[in-house]
PDB file of all heavy atoms in Angstrom:
ATOM      1  N   GLY A   1      -8.815 -13.218  -3.795  1.00  0.00           N
ATOM      2  CA  GLY A   1      -7.942 -12.280  -3.095  1.00  0.00           C
ATOM      3  C   GLY A   1      -7.322 -12.813  -1.828  1.00  0.00           C
ATOM      4  O   GLY A   1      -6.674 -12.066  -1.092  1.00  0.00           O
ATOM      5  N   LEU A   2      -7.499 -14.108  -1.540  1.00  0.00           N
ATOM      6  CA  LEU A   2      -6.912 -14.696  -0.331  1.00  0.00           C
ATOM      7  C   LEU A   2      -5.451 -15.035  -0.562  1.00  0.00           C
ATOM      8  O   LEU A   2      -5.024 -15.286  -1.692  1.00  0.00           O
ATOM      9  CB  LEU A   2      -7.699 -15.951   0.069  1.00  0.00           C
ATOM     10  CG  LEU A   2      -9.172 -15.719   0.438  1.00  0.00           C
ATOM     11  CD1 LEU A   2      -9.876 -17.043   0.666  1.00  0.00           C
ATOM     12  CD2 LEU A   2      -9.291 -14.834   1.663  1.00  0.00           C
ATOM     13  N   GLU A   3      -4.684 -15.048   0.518  1.00  0.00           N
ATOM     14  CA  GLU A   3      -3.264 -15.347   0.440  1.00  0.00           C
ATOM     15  C   GLU A   3      -2.919 -16.551   1.311  1.00  0.00           C
ATOM     16  O   GLU A   3      -3.771 -17.067   2.032  1.00  0.00           O
ATOM     17  CB  GLU A   3      -2.441 -14.131   0.865  1.00  0.00           C
ATOM     18  CG  GLU A   3      -2.711 -13.658   2.277  1.00  0.00           C
ATOM     19  CD  GLU A   3      -1.968 -12.382   2.615  1.00  0.00           C
ATOM     20  OE1 GLU A   3      -1.508 -11.683   1.685  1.00  0.00           O
ATOM     21  OE2 GLU A   3      -1.849 -12.087   3.826  1.00  0.00           O
ATOM     22  N   ASP A   4      -1.670 -16.988   1.241  1.00  0.00           N
ATOM     23  CA  ASP A   4      -1.207 -18.162   1.995  1.00  0.00           C
ATOM     24  C   ASP A   4      -2.102 -19.369   1.740  1.00  0.00           C
ATOM     25  O   ASP A   4      -2.393 -20.164   2.645  1.00  0.00           O
ATOM     26  CB  ASP A   4      -1.160 -17.866   3.501  1.00  0.00           C
ATOM     27  CG  ASP A   4      -0.212 -16.734   3.842  1.00  0.00           C
ATOM     28  OD1 ASP A   4       0.763 -16.541   3.095  1.00  0.00           O
ATOM     29  OD2 ASP A   4      -0.450 -16.044   4.854  1.00  0.00           O
ATOM     30  N   VAL A   5      -2.557 -19.515   0.510  1.00  0.00           N
ATOM     31  CA  VAL A   5      -3.486 -20.597   0.153  1.00  0.00           C
ATOM     32  C   VAL A   5      -2.751 -21.931   0.135  1.00  0.00           C
ATOM     33  O   VAL A   5      -1.643 -22.038  -0.393  1.00  0.00           O
ATOM     34  CB  VAL A   5      -4.140 -20.315  -1.212  1.00  0.00           C
ATOM     35  CG1 VAL A   5      -5.052 -21.472  -1.616  1.00  0.00           C
ATOM     36  CG2 VAL A   5      -4.927 -19.008  -1.169  1.00  0.00           C
ATOM     37  N   GLN A   6      -3.376 -22.937   0.726  1.00  0.00           N
ATOM     38  CA  GLN A   6      -2.772 -24.273   0.772  1.00  0.00           C
ATOM     39  C   GLN A   6      -3.861 -25.337   0.840  1.00  0.00           C
ATOM     40  O   GLN A   6      -4.988 -25.071   1.258  1.00  0.00           O
ATOM     41  CB  GLN A   6      -1.849 -24.398   1.978  1.00  0.00           C
ATOM     42  CG  GLN A   6      -2.525 -24.091   3.303  1.00  0.00           C
ATOM     43  CD  GLN A   6      -1.567 -24.122   4.469  1.00  0.00           C
ATOM     44  OE1 GLN A   6      -1.095 -25.193   4.854  1.00  0.00           O
ATOM     45  NE2 GLN A   6      -1.278 -22.955   5.044  1.00  0.00           N
ATOM     46  N   THR A   7      -3.498 -26.523   0.420  1.00  0.00           N
ATOM     47  CA  THR A   7      -4.400 -27.674   0.460  1.00  0.00           C
ATOM     48  C   THR A   7      -3.786 -28.755   1.341  1.00  0.00           C
ATOM     49  O   THR A   7      -2.569 -28.988   1.284  1.00  0.00           O
ATOM     50  CB  THR A   7      -4.648 -28.237  -0.952  1.00  0.00           C
ATOM     51  OG1 THR A   7      -5.211 -27.208  -1.766  1.00  0.00           O
ATOM     52  CG2 THR A   7      -5.613 -29.420  -0.912  1.00  0.00           C
ATOM     53  N   PHE A   8      -4.613 -29.400   2.147  1.00  0.00           N
ATOM     54  CA  PHE A   8      -4.118 -30.478   3.003  1.00  0.00           C
ATOM     55  C   PHE A   8      -5.216 -31.516   3.195  1.00  0.00           C
ATOM     56  O   PHE A   8      -6.381 -31.275   2.885  1.00  0.00           O
ATOM     57  CB  PHE A   8      -3.647 -29.927   4.356  1.00  0.00           C
ATOM     58  CG  PHE A   8      -4.735 -29.269   5.175  1.00  0.00           C
ATOM     59  CD1 PHE A   8      -5.467 -29.981   6.103  1.00  0.00           C
ATOM     60  CD2 PHE A   8      -5.024 -27.919   5.001  1.00  0.00           C
ATOM     61  CE1 PHE A   8      -6.461 -29.383   6.849  1.00  0.00           C
ATOM     62  CE2 PHE A   8      -6.018 -27.301   5.749  1.00  0.00           C
ATOM     63  CZ  PHE A   8      -6.739 -28.042   6.673  1.00  0.00           C
ATOM     64  N   ARG A   9      -4.828 -32.667   3.702  1.00  0.00           N
ATOM     65  CA  ARG A   9      -5.774 -33.755   3.951  1.00  0.00           C
ATOM     66  C   ARG A   9      -5.930 -33.993   5.445  1.00  0.00           C
ATOM     67  O   ARG A   9      -4.947 -34.104   6.173  1.00  0.00           O
ATOM     68  CB  ARG A   9      -5.311 -35.049   3.275  1.00  0.00           C
ATOM     69  CG  ARG A   9      -5.402 -35.002   1.758  1.00  0.00           C
ATOM     70  CD  ARG A   9      -5.039 -36.332   1.117  1.00  0.00           C
ATOM     71  NE  ARG A   9      -5.234 -36.294  -0.318  1.00  0.00           N
ATOM     72  CZ  ARG A   9      -6.392 -36.553  -0.919  1.00  0.00           C
ATOM     73  NH1 ARG A   9      -7.451 -36.893  -0.190  1.00  0.00           N
ATOM     74  NH2 ARG A   9      -6.488 -36.497  -2.227  1.00  0.00           N
ATOM     75  N   ALA A  10      -7.179 -34.068   5.883  1.00  0.00           N
ATOM     76  CA  ALA A  10      -7.501 -34.381   7.276  1.00  0.00           C
ATOM     77  C   ALA A  10      -8.937 -34.891   7.292  1.00  0.00           C
ATOM     78  O   ALA A  10      -9.871 -34.132   7.506  1.00  0.00           O
ATOM     79  CB  ALA A  10      -7.354 -33.155   8.169  1.00  0.00           C
ATOM     80  N   GLY A  11      -9.100 -36.193   7.022  1.00  0.00           N
ATOM     81  CA  GLY A  11     -10.451 -36.735   6.885  1.00  0.00           C
ATOM     82  C   GLY A  11     -11.132 -36.229   5.630  1.00  0.00           C
ATOM     83  O   GLY A  11     -12.355 -36.121   5.572  1.00  0.00           O
ATOM     84  N   GLY A  12     -10.350 -35.907   4.620  1.00  0.00           N
ATOM     85  CA  GLY A  12     -10.851 -35.329   3.385  1.00  0.00           C
ATOM     86  C   GLY A  12      -9.902 -34.248   2.908  1.00  0.00           C
ATOM     87  O   GLY A  12      -8.888 -33.960   3.548  1.00  0.00           O
ATOM     88  N   VAL A  13     -10.230 -33.654   1.769  1.00  0.00           N
ATOM     89  CA  VAL A  13      -9.392 -32.601   1.210  1.00  0.00           C
ATOM     90  C   VAL A  13      -9.913 -31.246   1.675  1.00  0.00           C
ATOM     91  O   VAL A  13     -11.098 -30.931   1.537  1.00  0.00           O
ATOM     92  CB  VAL A  13      -9.383 -32.657  -0.329  1.00  0.00           C
ATOM     93  CG1 VAL A  13      -8.546 -31.519  -0.906  1.00  0.00           C
ATOM     94  CG2 VAL A  13      -8.845 -33.995  -0.810  1.00  0.00           C
ATOM     95  N   TRP A  14      -9.019 -30.426   2.228  1.00  0.00           N
ATOM     96  CA  TRP A  14      -9.356 -29.087   2.703  1.00  0.00           C
ATOM     97  C   TRP A  14      -8.493 -28.056   1.995  1.00  0.00           C
ATOM     98  O   TRP A  14      -7.324 -28.308   1.718  1.00  0.00           O
ATOM     99  CB  TRP A  14      -9.114 -28.974   4.212  1.00  0.00           C
ATOM    100  CG  TRP A  14      -9.990 -29.843   5.057  1.00  0.00           C
ATOM    101  CD1 TRP A  14      -9.787 -31.165   5.365  1.00  0.00           C
ATOM    102  CD2 TRP A  14     -11.198 -29.462   5.718  1.00  0.00           C
ATOM    103  NE1 TRP A  14     -10.793 -31.622   6.178  1.00  0.00           N
ATOM    104  CE2 TRP A  14     -11.671 -30.594   6.418  1.00  0.00           C
ATOM    105  CE3 TRP A  14     -11.920 -28.264   5.801  1.00  0.00           C
ATOM    106  CZ2 TRP A  14     -12.838 -30.572   7.168  1.00  0.00           C
ATOM    107  CZ3 TRP A  14     -13.081 -28.233   6.546  1.00  0.00           C
ATOM    108  CH2 TRP A  14     -13.533 -29.373   7.225  1.00  0.00           C
ATOM    109  N   THR A  15      -9.086 -26.895   1.732  1.00  0.00           N
ATOM    110  CA  THR A  15      -8.340 -25.769   1.177  1.00  0.00           C
ATOM    111  C   THR A  15      -8.451 -24.602   2.133  1.00  0.00           C
ATOM    112  O   THR A  15      -9.543 -24.275   2.606  1.00  0.00           O
ATOM    113  CB  THR A  15      -8.877 -25.370  -0.202  1.00  0.00           C
ATOM    114  OG1 THR A  15      -8.961 -26.525  -1.034  1.00  0.00           O
ATOM    115  CG2 THR A  15      -7.951 -24.353  -0.858  1.00  0.00           C
ATOM    116  N   LEU A  16      -7.317 -23.974   2.412  1.00  0.00           N
ATOM    117  CA  LEU A  16      -7.250 -22.888   3.395  1.00  0.00           C
ATOM    118  C   LEU A  16      -6.705 -21.636   2.739  1.00  0.00           C
ATOM    119  O   LEU A  16      -5.798 -21.692   1.908  1.00  0.00           O
ATOM    120  CB  LEU A  16      -6.371 -23.314   4.563  1.00  0.00           C
ATOM    121  CG  LEU A  16      -6.142 -22.340   5.715  1.00  0.00           C
ATOM    122  CD1 LEU A  16      -5.944 -23.113   7.025  1.00  0.00           C
ATOM    123  CD2 LEU A  16      -4.911 -21.461   5.460  1.00  0.00           C
ATOM    124  N   GLY A  17      -7.270 -20.493   3.096  1.00  0.00           N
ATOM    125  CA  GLY A  17      -6.773 -19.215   2.613  1.00  0.00           C
ATOM    126  C   GLY A  17      -6.952 -18.143   3.675  1.00  0.00           C
ATOM    127  O   GLY A  17      -7.852 -18.234   4.515  1.00  0.00           O
ATOM    128  N   ARG A  18      -6.088 -17.128   3.638  1.00  0.00           N
ATOM    129  CA  ARG A  18      -6.129 -16.068   4.636  1.00  0.00           C
ATOM    130  C   ARG A  18      -6.463 -14.726   3.978  1.00  0.00           C
ATOM    131  O   ARG A  18      -5.959 -14.404   2.902  1.00  0.00           O
ATOM    132  CB  ARG A  18      -4.773 -15.969   5.334  1.00  0.00           C
ATOM    133  CG  ARG A  18      -4.757 -15.008   6.524  1.00  0.00           C
ATOM    134  CD  ARG A  18      -3.325 -14.626   6.887  1.00  0.00           C
ATOM    135  NE  ARG A  18      -2.487 -15.780   7.099  1.00  0.00           N
ATOM    136  CZ  ARG A  18      -2.414 -16.437   8.262  1.00  0.00           C
ATOM    137  NH1 ARG A  18      -3.121 -16.024   9.288  1.00  0.00           N
ATOM    138  NH2 ARG A  18      -1.626 -17.467   8.406  1.00  0.00           N
ATOM    139  N   LYS A  19      -7.305 -13.944   4.642  1.00  0.00           N
ATOM    140  CA  LYS A  19      -7.640 -12.610   4.156  1.00  0.00           C
ATOM    141  C   LYS A  19      -6.455 -11.681   4.401  1.00  0.00           C
ATOM    142  O   LYS A  19      -5.951 -11.606   5.528  1.00  0.00           O
ATOM    143  CB  LYS A  19      -8.890 -12.086   4.863  1.00  0.00           C
ATOM    144  CG  LYS A  19      -9.380 -10.742   4.341  1.00  0.00           C
ATOM    145  CD  LYS A  19     -10.702 -10.370   4.991  1.00  0.00           C
ATOM    146  CE  LYS A  19     -11.229  -9.043   4.501  1.00  0.00           C
ATOM    147  NZ  LYS A  19     -12.553  -8.712   5.083  1.00  0.00           N
ATOM    148  N   PRO A  20      -6.012 -10.950   3.396  1.00  0.00           N
ATOM    149  CA  PRO A  20      -4.839 -10.079   3.581  1.00  0.00           C
ATOM    150  C   PRO A  20      -5.095  -8.955   4.579  1.00  0.00           C
ATOM    151  O   PRO A  20      -6.227  -8.516   4.768  1.00  0.00           O
ATOM    152  CB  PRO A  20      -4.608  -9.507   2.169  1.00  0.00           C
ATOM    153  CG  PRO A  20      -5.341 -10.413   1.245  1.00  0.00           C
ATOM    154  CD  PRO A  20      -6.505 -10.939   2.019  1.00  0.00           C
ATOM    155  N   TRP A  21      -4.026  -8.514   5.200  1.00  0.00           N
ATOM    156  CA  TRP A  21      -4.087  -7.359   6.093  1.00  0.00           C
ATOM    157  C   TRP A  21      -3.945  -6.099   5.244  1.00  0.00           C
ATOM    158  O   TRP A  21      -2.949  -5.944   4.530  1.00  0.00           O
ATOM    159  CB  TRP A  21      -2.957  -7.438   7.116  1.00  0.00           C
ATOM    160  CG  TRP A  21      -3.065  -6.416   8.207  1.00  0.00           C
ATOM    161  CD1 TRP A  21      -2.623  -5.129   8.161  1.00  0.00           C
ATOM    162  CD2 TRP A  21      -3.672  -6.596   9.492  1.00  0.00           C
ATOM    163  NE1 TRP A  21      -2.915  -4.489   9.344  1.00  0.00           N
ATOM    164  CE2 TRP A  21      -3.552  -5.362  10.172  1.00  0.00           C
ATOM    165  CE3 TRP A  21      -4.295  -7.660  10.121  1.00  0.00           C
ATOM    166  CZ2 TRP A  21      -4.037  -5.173  11.463  1.00  0.00           C
ATOM    167  CZ3 TRP A  21      -4.776  -7.480  11.399  1.00  0.00           C
ATOM    168  CH2 TRP A  21      -4.653  -6.259  12.065  1.00  0.00           C
ATOM    169  N   PRO A  22      -4.905  -5.175   5.293  1.00  0.00           N
ATOM    170  CA  PRO A  22      -4.825  -3.975   4.447  1.00  0.00           C
ATOM    171  C   PRO A  22      -3.582  -3.145   4.753  1.00  0.00           C
ATOM    172  O   PRO A  22      -3.210  -2.960   5.915  1.00  0.00           O
ATOM    173  CB  PRO A  22      -6.103  -3.201   4.821  1.00  0.00           C
ATOM    174  CG  PRO A  22      -7.014  -4.224   5.415  1.00  0.00           C
ATOM    175  CD  PRO A  22      -6.130  -5.211   6.093  1.00  0.00           C
ATOM    176  N   ALA A  23      -2.956  -2.645   3.714  1.00  0.00           N
ATOM    177  CA  ALA A  23      -1.753  -1.827   3.895  1.00  0.00           C
ATOM    178  C   ALA A  23      -2.063  -0.539   4.652  1.00  0.00           C
ATOM    179  O   ALA A  23      -1.195   0.014   5.331  1.00  0.00           O
ATOM    180  CB  ALA A  23      -1.152  -1.498   2.528  1.00  0.00           C
ATOM    181  N   GLU A  24      -3.325  -0.067   4.558  1.00  0.00           N
ATOM    182  CA  GLU A  24      -3.712   1.177   5.223  1.00  0.00           C
ATOM    183  C   GLU A  24      -4.062   0.981   6.693  1.00  0.00           C
ATOM    184  O   GLU A  24      -4.322   1.950   7.403  1.00  0.00           O
ATOM    185  CB  GLU A  24      -4.913   1.814   4.506  1.00  0.00           C
ATOM    186  CG  GLU A  24      -4.721   2.079   3.042  1.00  0.00           C
ATOM    187  CD  GLU A  24      -4.999   0.854   2.178  1.00  0.00           C
ATOM    188  OE1 GLU A  24      -5.374  -0.201   2.741  1.00  0.00           O
ATOM    189  OE2 GLU A  24      -4.844   0.952   0.953  1.00  0.00           O
ATOM    190  N   MET A  25      -4.109  -0.264   7.151  1.00  0.00           N
ATOM    191  CA  MET A  25      -4.509  -0.555   8.528  1.00  0.00           C
ATOM    192  C   MET A  25      -3.285  -0.802   9.401  1.00  0.00           C
ATOM    193  O   MET A  25      -2.481  -1.685   9.117  1.00  0.00           O
ATOM    194  CB  MET A  25      -5.444  -1.771   8.576  1.00  0.00           C
ATOM    195  CG  MET A  25      -5.993  -2.084   9.956  1.00  0.00           C
ATOM    196  SD  MET A  25      -7.155  -3.490   9.946  1.00  0.00           S
ATOM    197  CE  MET A  25      -8.559  -2.756   9.130  1.00  0.00           C
ATOM    198  N   ASP A  26      -3.148  -0.017  10.445  1.00  0.00           N
ATOM    199  CA  ASP A  26      -2.007  -0.126  11.353  1.00  0.00           C
ATOM    200  C   ASP A  26      -2.276  -1.180  12.422  1.00  0.00           C
ATOM    201  O   ASP A  26      -3.409  -1.619  12.622  1.00  0.00           O
ATOM    202  CB  ASP A  26      -1.742   1.240  11.998  1.00  0.00           C
ATOM    203  CG  ASP A  26      -0.381   1.301  12.671  1.00  0.00           C
ATOM    204  OD1 ASP A  26       0.465   0.442  12.370  1.00  0.00           O
ATOM    205  OD2 ASP A  26      -0.180   2.209  13.498  1.00  0.00           O
ATOM    206  N   ASP A  27      -1.234  -1.567  13.118  1.00  0.00           N
ATOM    207  CA  ASP A  27      -1.341  -2.513  14.234  1.00  0.00           C
ATOM    208  C   ASP A  27      -0.875  -1.819  15.507  1.00  0.00           C
ATOM    209  O   ASP A  27       0.048  -0.999  15.465  1.00  0.00           O
ATOM    210  CB  ASP A  27      -0.467  -3.744  13.956  1.00  0.00           C
ATOM    211  CG  ASP A  27      -0.747  -4.864  14.927  1.00  0.00           C
ATOM    212  OD1 ASP A  27      -1.783  -4.815  15.619  1.00  0.00           O
ATOM    213  OD2 ASP A  27       0.072  -5.803  15.004  1.00  0.00           O
ATOM    214  N   TRP A  28      -1.538  -2.128  16.633  1.00  0.00           N
ATOM    215  CA  TRP A  28      -1.191  -1.527  17.926  1.00  0.00           C
ATOM    216  C   TRP A  28      -0.704  -2.660  18.815  1.00  0.00           C
ATOM    217  O   TRP A  28      -1.451  -3.265  19.551  1.00  0.00           O
ATOM    218  CB  TRP A  28      -2.403  -0.829  18.517  1.00  0.00           C
ATOM    219  CG  TRP A  28      -2.094   0.135  19.636  1.00  0.00           C
ATOM    220  CD1 TRP A  28      -1.725  -0.189  20.912  1.00  0.00           C
ATOM    221  CD2 TRP A  28      -2.123   1.563  19.582  1.00  0.00           C
ATOM    222  NE1 TRP A  28      -1.533   0.941  21.664  1.00  0.00           N
ATOM    223  CE2 TRP A  28      -1.770   2.043  20.872  1.00  0.00           C
ATOM    224  CE3 TRP A  28      -2.422   2.492  18.587  1.00  0.00           C
ATOM    225  CZ2 TRP A  28      -1.708   3.400  21.171  1.00  0.00           C
ATOM    226  CZ3 TRP A  28      -2.358   3.834  18.895  1.00  0.00           C
ATOM    227  CH2 TRP A  28      -2.003   4.287  20.166  1.00  0.00           C
ATOM    228  N   SER A  29       0.601  -2.926  18.763  1.00  0.00           N
ATOM    229  CA  SER A  29       1.154  -4.124  19.399  1.00  0.00           C
ATOM    230  C   SER A  29       1.644  -3.897  20.824  1.00  0.00           C
ATOM    231  O   SER A  29       1.906  -4.853  21.542  1.00  0.00           O
ATOM    232  CB  SER A  29       2.310  -4.666  18.555  1.00  0.00           C
ATOM    233  OG  SER A  29       3.315  -3.670  18.397  1.00  0.00           O
ATOM    234  N   HIS A  30       1.786  -2.626  21.236  1.00  0.00           N
ATOM    235  CA  HIS A  30       2.304  -2.293  22.557  1.00  0.00           C
ATOM    236  C   HIS A  30       1.353  -1.323  23.264  1.00  0.00           C
ATOM    237  O   HIS A  30       0.486  -0.725  22.632  1.00  0.00           O
ATOM    238  CB  HIS A  30       3.697  -1.654  22.442  1.00  0.00           C
ATOM    239  CG  HIS A  30       4.766  -2.591  21.976  1.00  0.00           C
ATOM    240  ND1 HIS A  30       4.765  -3.166  20.716  1.00  0.00           N
ATOM    241  CD2 HIS A  30       5.877  -3.057  22.592  1.00  0.00           C
ATOM    242  CE1 HIS A  30       5.824  -3.937  20.583  1.00  0.00           C
ATOM    243  NE2 HIS A  30       6.520  -3.902  21.702  1.00  0.00           N
ATOM    244  N   PRO A  31       1.505  -1.152  24.582  1.00  0.00           N
ATOM    245  CA  PRO A  31       0.640  -0.207  25.303  1.00  0.00           C
ATOM    246  C   PRO A  31       0.648   1.195  24.691  1.00  0.00           C
ATOM    247  O   PRO A  31      -0.383   1.879  24.682  1.00  0.00           O
ATOM    248  CB  PRO A  31       1.223  -0.211  26.726  1.00  0.00           C
ATOM    249  CG  PRO A  31       1.846  -1.557  26.872  1.00  0.00           C
ATOM    250  CD  PRO A  31       2.393  -1.883  25.520  1.00  0.00           C
ATOM    251  N   LEU A  32       1.808   1.629  24.170  1.00  0.00           N
ATOM    252  CA  LEU A  32       1.910   2.934  23.514  1.00  0.00           C
ATOM    253  C   LEU A  32       2.237   2.736  22.037  1.00  0.00           C
ATOM    254  O   LEU A  32       3.286   3.140  21.523  1.00  0.00           O
ATOM    255  CB  LEU A  32       2.966   3.796  24.200  1.00  0.00           C
ATOM    256  CG  LEU A  32       2.642   4.229  25.644  1.00  0.00           C
ATOM    257  CD1 LEU A  32       3.787   5.025  26.237  1.00  0.00           C
ATOM    258  CD2 LEU A  32       1.348   5.048  25.681  1.00  0.00           C
ATOM    259  N   HIS A  33       1.340   2.041  21.365  1.00  0.00           N
ATOM    260  CA  HIS A  33       1.393   1.770  19.924  1.00  0.00           C
ATOM    261  C   HIS A  33       2.491   0.786  19.532  1.00  0.00           C
ATOM    262  O   HIS A  33       2.215  -0.346  19.162  1.00  0.00           O
ATOM    263  CB  HIS A  33       1.536   3.072  19.122  1.00  0.00           C
ATOM    264  CG  HIS A  33       1.620   2.835  17.648  1.00  0.00           C
ATOM    265  ND1 HIS A  33       2.770   3.064  16.920  1.00  0.00           N
ATOM    266  CD2 HIS A  33       0.709   2.357  16.772  1.00  0.00           C
ATOM    267  CE1 HIS A  33       2.562   2.753  15.653  1.00  0.00           C
ATOM    268  NE2 HIS A  33       1.308   2.328  15.532  1.00  0.00           N
ATOM    269  N   GLY A  34       3.755   1.206  19.590  1.00  0.00           N
ATOM    270  CA  GLY A  34       4.848   0.343  19.165  1.00  0.00           C
ATOM    271  C   GLY A  34       6.020   0.398  20.120  1.00  0.00           C
ATOM    272  O   GLY A  34       5.975   1.066  21.153  1.00  0.00           O
ATOM    273  N   PRO A  35       7.114  -0.283  19.790  1.00  0.00           N
ATOM    274  CA  PRO A  35       8.275  -0.309  20.687  1.00  0.00           C
ATOM    275  C   PRO A  35       8.911   1.062  20.887  1.00  0.00           C
ATOM    276  O   PRO A  35       9.644   1.282  21.845  1.00  0.00           O
ATOM    277  CB  PRO A  35       9.246  -1.273  19.992  1.00  0.00           C
ATOM    278  CG  PRO A  35       8.791  -1.339  18.567  1.00  0.00           C
ATOM    279  CD  PRO A  35       7.320  -1.123  18.595  1.00  0.00           C
ATOM    280  N   GLY A  36       8.614   2.020  19.978  1.00  0.00           N
ATOM    281  CA  GLY A  36       9.170   3.350  20.126  1.00  0.00           C
ATOM    282  C   GLY A  36       8.494   4.184  21.192  1.00  0.00           C
ATOM    283  O   GLY A  36       9.016   5.230  21.599  1.00  0.00           O
ATOM    284  N   GLY A  37       7.302   3.748  21.660  1.00  0.00           N
ATOM    285  CA  GLY A  37       6.609   4.459  22.727  1.00  0.00           C
ATOM    286  C   GLY A  37       5.857   5.701  22.275  1.00  0.00           C
ATOM    287  O   GLY A  37       5.444   6.517  23.103  1.00  0.00           O
ATOM    288  N   ASN A  38       5.647   5.858  20.985  1.00  0.00           N
ATOM    289  CA  ASN A  38       4.899   7.013  20.474  1.00  0.00           C
ATOM    290  C   ASN A  38       3.428   6.620  20.303  1.00  0.00           C
ATOM    291  O   ASN A  38       3.101   5.831  19.418  1.00  0.00           O
ATOM    292  CB  ASN A  38       5.487   7.458  19.131  1.00  0.00           C
ATOM    293  CG  ASN A  38       4.811   8.718  18.594  1.00  0.00           C
ATOM    294  OD1 ASN A  38       3.957   9.316  19.258  1.00  0.00           O
ATOM    295  ND2 ASN A  38       5.198   9.113  17.389  1.00  0.00           N
ATOM    296  N   PRO A  39       2.520   7.160  21.127  1.00  0.00           N
ATOM    297  CA  PRO A  39       1.123   6.711  21.110  1.00  0.00           C
ATOM    298  C   PRO A  39       0.302   7.321  19.968  1.00  0.00           C
ATOM    299  O   PRO A  39      -0.793   7.854  20.181  1.00  0.00           O
ATOM    300  CB  PRO A  39       0.607   7.168  22.471  1.00  0.00           C
ATOM    301  CG  PRO A  39       1.364   8.417  22.757  1.00  0.00           C
ATOM    302  CD  PRO A  39       2.735   8.179  22.176  1.00  0.00           C
ATOM    303  N   VAL A  40       0.826   7.256  18.757  1.00  0.00           N
ATOM    304  CA  VAL A  40       0.127   7.787  17.582  1.00  0.00           C
ATOM    305  C   VAL A  40       0.065   6.690  16.532  1.00  0.00           C
ATOM    306  O   VAL A  40       1.093   6.142  16.123  1.00  0.00           O
ATOM    307  CB  VAL A  40       0.850   9.029  17.014  1.00  0.00           C
ATOM    308  CG1 VAL A  40       0.115   9.545  15.781  1.00  0.00           C
ATOM    309  CG2 VAL A  40       0.927  10.130  18.066  1.00  0.00           C
ATOM    310  N   SER A  41      -1.140   6.392  16.083  1.00  0.00           N
ATOM    311  CA  SER A  41      -1.321   5.333  15.097  1.00  0.00           C
ATOM    312  C   SER A  41      -1.127   5.872  13.686  1.00  0.00           C
ATOM    313  O   SER A  41      -1.412   7.029  13.389  1.00  0.00           O
ATOM    314  CB  SER A  41      -2.722   4.735  15.226  1.00  0.00           C
ATOM    315  OG  SER A  41      -2.973   3.812  14.190  1.00  0.00           O
TER     316      SER A  41
END
């Protein structure tokens, strides 16, 4: 279930993957939630 999967070499072979951000989980990027200034998540 990981995304952005890639393989690279750095003193050996490495594989990297990222855990997805759930669609149901919001982000709070500003002091009042978002650029709109509405403090409701």
